Protein backbone atom coordinates (compact mmCIF):
# COMPACT_ATOMS: atom_id res chain seq x y z
CA MET A 1 -0.15 0.10 0.00
CA THR A 2 1.55 3.12 -1.11
CA ALA A 3 0.09 6.36 0.36
CA SER A 4 0.71 9.90 -0.47
CA VAL A 5 3.30 12.29 1.16
CA VAL A 6 -0.02 14.60 2.05
CA VAL A 7 -1.32 11.58 4.31
CA TYR A 8 2.07 10.81 5.70
CA ALA A 9 2.46 14.34 6.66
CA HIS A 10 -1.25 14.41 7.77
CA LEU A 11 -0.40 11.23 9.96
CA VAL A 12 2.81 12.61 11.44
CA ALA A 13 1.28 16.15 12.27
CA ALA A 14 -1.77 14.05 13.89
CA LEU A 15 0.56 12.45 16.26
CA THR A 16 2.52 15.36 17.04
CA ALA A 17 -0.53 17.34 17.87
CA ALA A 18 -1.78 14.56 19.99
CA THR A 19 1.25 14.36 22.09
CA LEU A 20 1.35 18.03 22.42
CA GLY A 21 -2.33 18.35 23.39
CA LEU A 22 -1.99 15.78 25.98
CA TRP A 23 1.00 17.61 27.28
CA ASN A 24 -0.73 20.74 27.37
CA LEU A 25 -3.72 19.33 28.99
CA VAL A 26 -2.10 17.84 32.10
CA ALA A 27 0.85 20.59 32.43
CA VAL A 28 0.48 23.54 34.57
CA LYS A 29 -1.77 26.50 32.89
CA GLY A 30 -0.32 30.02 31.85
CA THR A 31 3.40 29.24 32.25
CA PRO A 32 5.73 30.01 29.46
CA ARG A 33 6.03 26.53 28.54
CA HIS A 34 2.12 25.99 28.57
CA LYS A 35 2.21 29.10 25.96
CA MET A 36 5.29 27.71 24.02
CA VAL A 37 3.68 23.97 23.81
CA GLY A 38 0.41 25.66 23.03
CA ARG A 39 1.64 27.61 20.01
CA CYS A 40 3.46 24.47 18.66
CA TRP A 41 0.36 22.44 18.85
CA ILE A 42 -1.74 25.03 16.82
CA ALA A 43 1.10 24.92 14.50
CA ALA A 44 0.58 20.83 14.66
CA MET A 45 -3.08 21.07 14.20
CA LEU A 46 -2.57 23.48 11.09
CA ALA A 47 -0.26 21.02 9.90
CA VAL A 48 -3.18 18.38 10.24
CA THR A 49 -5.99 20.27 9.08
CA LEU A 50 -5.15 22.33 5.98
CA PRO A 51 -3.58 19.09 4.23
CA SER A 52 -6.77 17.30 4.68
CA PHE A 53 -8.27 19.53 2.03
CA TRP A 54 -6.27 17.29 -0.47
CA ILE A 55 -7.12 13.88 0.95
CA ARG A 56 -10.21 12.80 -0.70
CA GLU A 57 -10.33 8.86 0.21
CA LEU A 58 -14.06 8.95 1.01
CA ASP A 59 -15.21 10.62 -2.23
CA PRO A 60 -12.55 10.87 -4.80
CA GLY A 61 -12.17 14.26 -6.58
CA ASN A 62 -14.58 15.77 -4.25
CA PHE A 63 -14.91 17.12 -0.56
CA SER A 64 -16.78 15.01 1.86
CA TRP A 65 -18.29 15.34 5.10
CA ILE A 66 -14.88 14.93 6.82
CA HIS A 67 -13.80 18.35 5.05
CA GLY A 68 -16.82 19.90 7.20
CA LEU A 69 -15.08 18.83 10.21
CA THR A 70 -11.76 20.36 9.11
CA VAL A 71 -13.32 23.81 8.61
CA PHE A 72 -15.05 23.17 12.07
CA THR A 73 -11.79 22.61 13.74
CA LEU A 74 -10.15 25.43 12.06
CA ALA A 75 -13.06 27.87 13.37
CA SER A 76 -12.36 26.04 16.66
CA LEU A 77 -8.92 27.09 16.65
CA ALA A 78 -9.51 30.66 15.91
CA LEU A 79 -12.12 30.71 18.62
CA ALA A 80 -9.43 29.36 21.05
CA LEU A 81 -6.85 32.00 20.04
CA TRP A 82 -9.46 34.78 20.09
CA GLY A 83 -10.64 33.79 23.36
CA ILE A 84 -6.95 33.89 25.18
CA ARG A 85 -6.22 37.08 23.56
CA THR A 86 -9.23 38.98 24.96
CA GLY A 87 -8.77 37.46 28.11
CA ARG A 88 -11.66 34.89 27.81
CA VAL A 89 -9.72 32.06 29.35
CA ARG A 90 -12.81 29.62 30.08
CA LEU A 91 -13.80 30.14 26.18
CA HIS A 92 -10.13 29.28 25.09
CA ALA A 93 -9.96 26.17 27.49
CA HIS A 94 -13.23 25.04 26.42
CA ALA A 95 -12.34 25.41 22.51
CA MET A 96 -8.88 23.92 23.00
CA VAL A 97 -10.21 20.88 25.10
CA GLY A 98 -12.94 20.29 22.61
CA THR A 99 -10.47 20.73 19.44
CA MET A 100 -8.20 17.82 21.26
CA VAL A 101 -11.36 15.76 21.88
CA GLY A 102 -12.17 15.99 17.94
CA LEU A 103 -8.38 14.90 17.34
CA VAL A 104 -8.98 11.86 19.10
CA ILE A 105 -12.11 11.19 17.67
CA ALA A 106 -10.95 11.77 14.36
CA GLY A 107 -7.88 9.59 15.00
CA GLY A 108 -10.07 6.81 16.23
CA PHE A 109 -11.98 7.09 12.84
CA ALA A 110 -8.80 6.91 11.03
CA LEU A 111 -7.59 3.93 12.72
CA MET A 112 -10.58 1.77 11.69
CA PRO A 113 -9.68 -1.21 9.61
CA GLY A 114 -9.81 -0.50 5.73
CA ARG A 115 -8.93 2.99 6.02
CA THR A 116 -5.61 4.74 4.55
CA ILE A 117 -3.92 5.29 7.83
CA SER A 118 -4.86 1.66 9.41
CA ARG A 119 -3.15 -0.02 6.22
CA MET A 120 -0.18 2.25 6.63
CA ILE A 121 0.70 0.83 9.86
CA GLY A 122 0.09 -2.54 8.95
CA TYR A 123 -3.63 -3.79 10.36
CA GLY A 124 -6.06 -2.49 8.18
């Protein structure tokens, strides 16, 4: 099974985002380290979401419902950034946790047998 470079980049970015996101969920909030890891997490999430527009596994050549989730994720990231920039810490926290939960759920679906990523790692 050969997967495109875009799918490999998507997988690496998702694993990076999951690791950084987990770190920040359990770390002390508001510290310089939390902020630095958060910025890296945002970059990783952008690296997950933006290339997903070029992954058209469910409907070759067209966008699918999954791309709607990509747009929702980008909006959630923007909301989280706006929240922290305007002092709405609770909004920021909820948007970040929600986005992280979405990442885990999307990862679970991507790992289902028969999907490209599950085949890439050898069990699909």
